[in-house]
């Protein structure tokens, strides 16, 4: 993983590390209290950056310990749904994909 999670995505600048609050700290706190963490609807933004970004995003979601990658069905073609469903089945990227 790069210096920051999801460094391949175009995002707003962040405060330099070390930070007292950030993605990894939030995920750790949630998991400490047995709370499953979802990516919310961010995948729809990632889709605008191409298929390779989506693949990288799903892989990195696993690496930083997201529990659920949320996908909104209307944003995916049938082919994309099949591709990412098969991808999920082949790896343990997340505990659940929502449609």
Protein backbone atom coordinates (compact mmCIF):
# COMPACT_ATOMS: atom_id res chain seq x y z
CA UNK A 1 0.00 0.00 0.00
CA UNK A 2 1.23 3.53 -0.77
CA UNK A 3 1.81 6.34 1.71
CA UNK A 4 -1.94 6.79 2.05
CA UNK A 5 -4.85 4.48 1.38
CA UNK A 6 -6.37 4.78 -2.10
CA UNK A 7 -3.52 6.99 -3.35
CA UNK A 8 -4.39 6.06 -6.96
CA UNK A 9 -7.70 7.98 -6.69
CA UNK A 10 -8.09 11.70 -7.27
CA UNK A 11 -9.02 13.12 -3.86
CA UNK A 12 -8.70 16.34 -1.90
CA UNK A 13 -5.42 16.95 -0.05
CA UNK A 14 -5.12 15.65 3.51
CA UNK A 15 -3.16 16.71 6.55
CA UNK A 16 0.32 15.17 6.64
CA UNK A 17 0.94 12.04 8.71
CA UNK A 18 1.07 11.32 11.54
CA UNK A 19 -2.57 12.26 12.04
CA UNK A 20 -4.58 11.69 15.17
CA UNK A 21 -7.61 10.81 13.03
CA UNK A 22 -7.73 9.10 9.70
CA UNK A 23 -9.25 6.18 7.83
CA UNK A 24 -7.20 3.44 9.46
CA UNK A 25 -7.78 4.86 12.94
CA UNK A 26 -11.53 5.01 12.31
CA UNK A 27 -11.64 1.44 10.98
CA UNK A 28 -9.65 0.17 13.97
CA UNK A 29 -11.99 1.91 16.41
CA UNK A 30 -15.07 0.46 14.71
CA UNK A 31 -13.64 -3.05 14.65
CA UNK A 32 -12.61 -2.75 18.31
CA UNK A 33 -16.32 -2.31 19.08
CA UNK A 34 -17.46 -5.05 16.64
CA UNK A 35 -18.93 -2.58 14.15
CA UNK A 36 -18.87 -3.56 10.47
CA UNK A 37 -17.66 -0.74 8.22
CA UNK A 38 -19.09 -0.02 4.77
CA UNK A 39 -17.57 2.09 2.02
CA UNK A 40 -20.95 3.74 1.46
CA UNK A 41 -21.57 4.94 -2.07
CA UNK A 42 -17.95 5.85 -2.86
CA UNK A 43 -17.63 3.11 -5.47
CA UNK A 44 -19.80 5.16 -7.83
CA UNK A 45 -17.12 7.89 -7.75
CA UNK A 46 -14.37 5.32 -8.36
CA UNK A 47 -16.25 4.08 -11.44
CA UNK A 48 -15.62 7.47 -13.08
CA UNK A 49 -11.89 6.71 -12.98
CA UNK A 50 -12.06 3.46 -14.95
CA UNK A 51 -12.08 -0.31 -14.53
CA UNK A 52 -8.50 -0.49 -13.28
CA UNK A 53 -9.31 1.99 -10.50
CA UNK A 54 -12.29 -0.16 -9.49
CA UNK A 55 -10.10 -3.27 -9.29
CA UNK A 56 -7.49 -1.39 -7.26
CA UNK A 57 -10.20 0.06 -5.01
CA UNK A 58 -11.73 -3.32 -4.18
CA UNK A 59 -8.26 -4.75 -3.48
CA UNK A 60 -7.34 -1.85 -1.22
CA UNK A 61 -10.68 -2.03 0.61
CA UNK A 62 -9.59 -5.52 1.67
CA UNK A 63 -6.12 -4.30 2.65
CA UNK A 64 -7.41 -1.51 4.91
CA UNK A 65 -10.09 -3.81 6.40
CA UNK A 66 -13.39 -2.49 5.10
CA UNK A 67 -16.08 -5.07 5.81
CA UNK A 68 -18.61 -4.11 3.13
CA UNK A 69 -18.15 -2.61 -0.32
CA UNK A 70 -21.46 -1.04 -1.22
CA UNK A 71 -22.45 -0.96 -4.87
CA UNK A 72 -25.57 0.59 -6.29
CA UNK A 73 -26.91 -1.72 -8.99
CA UNK A 74 -28.09 1.07 -11.36
CA UNK A 75 -24.49 2.26 -11.77
CA UNK A 76 -23.30 -1.12 -13.10
CA UNK A 77 -23.97 -2.82 -16.39
CA UNK A 78 -24.87 -6.52 -16.33
CA UNK A 79 -21.33 -7.30 -17.51
CA UNK A 80 -19.77 -5.26 -14.68
CA UNK A 81 -22.06 -6.88 -12.10
CA UNK A 82 -21.00 -10.32 -13.31
CA UNK A 83 -17.33 -9.35 -13.35
CA UNK A 84 -17.24 -7.96 -9.82
CA UNK A 85 -19.44 -10.68 -8.39
CA UNK A 86 -17.03 -13.30 -9.79
CA UNK A 87 -14.08 -11.26 -8.53
CA UNK A 88 -15.59 -11.17 -5.04
CA UNK A 89 -16.18 -14.91 -5.11
CA UNK A 90 -12.53 -15.57 -6.07
CA UNK A 91 -11.10 -13.42 -3.29
CA UNK A 92 -12.09 -12.49 0.21
CA UNK A 93 -12.18 -8.80 -0.70
CA UNK A 94 -15.10 -8.12 1.61
CA UNK A 95 -17.57 -9.96 3.77
CA UNK A 96 -20.50 -8.76 1.68
CA UNK A 97 -21.41 -6.95 -1.50
CA UNK A 98 -24.68 -5.10 -1.42
CA UNK A 99 -26.88 -4.47 -4.43
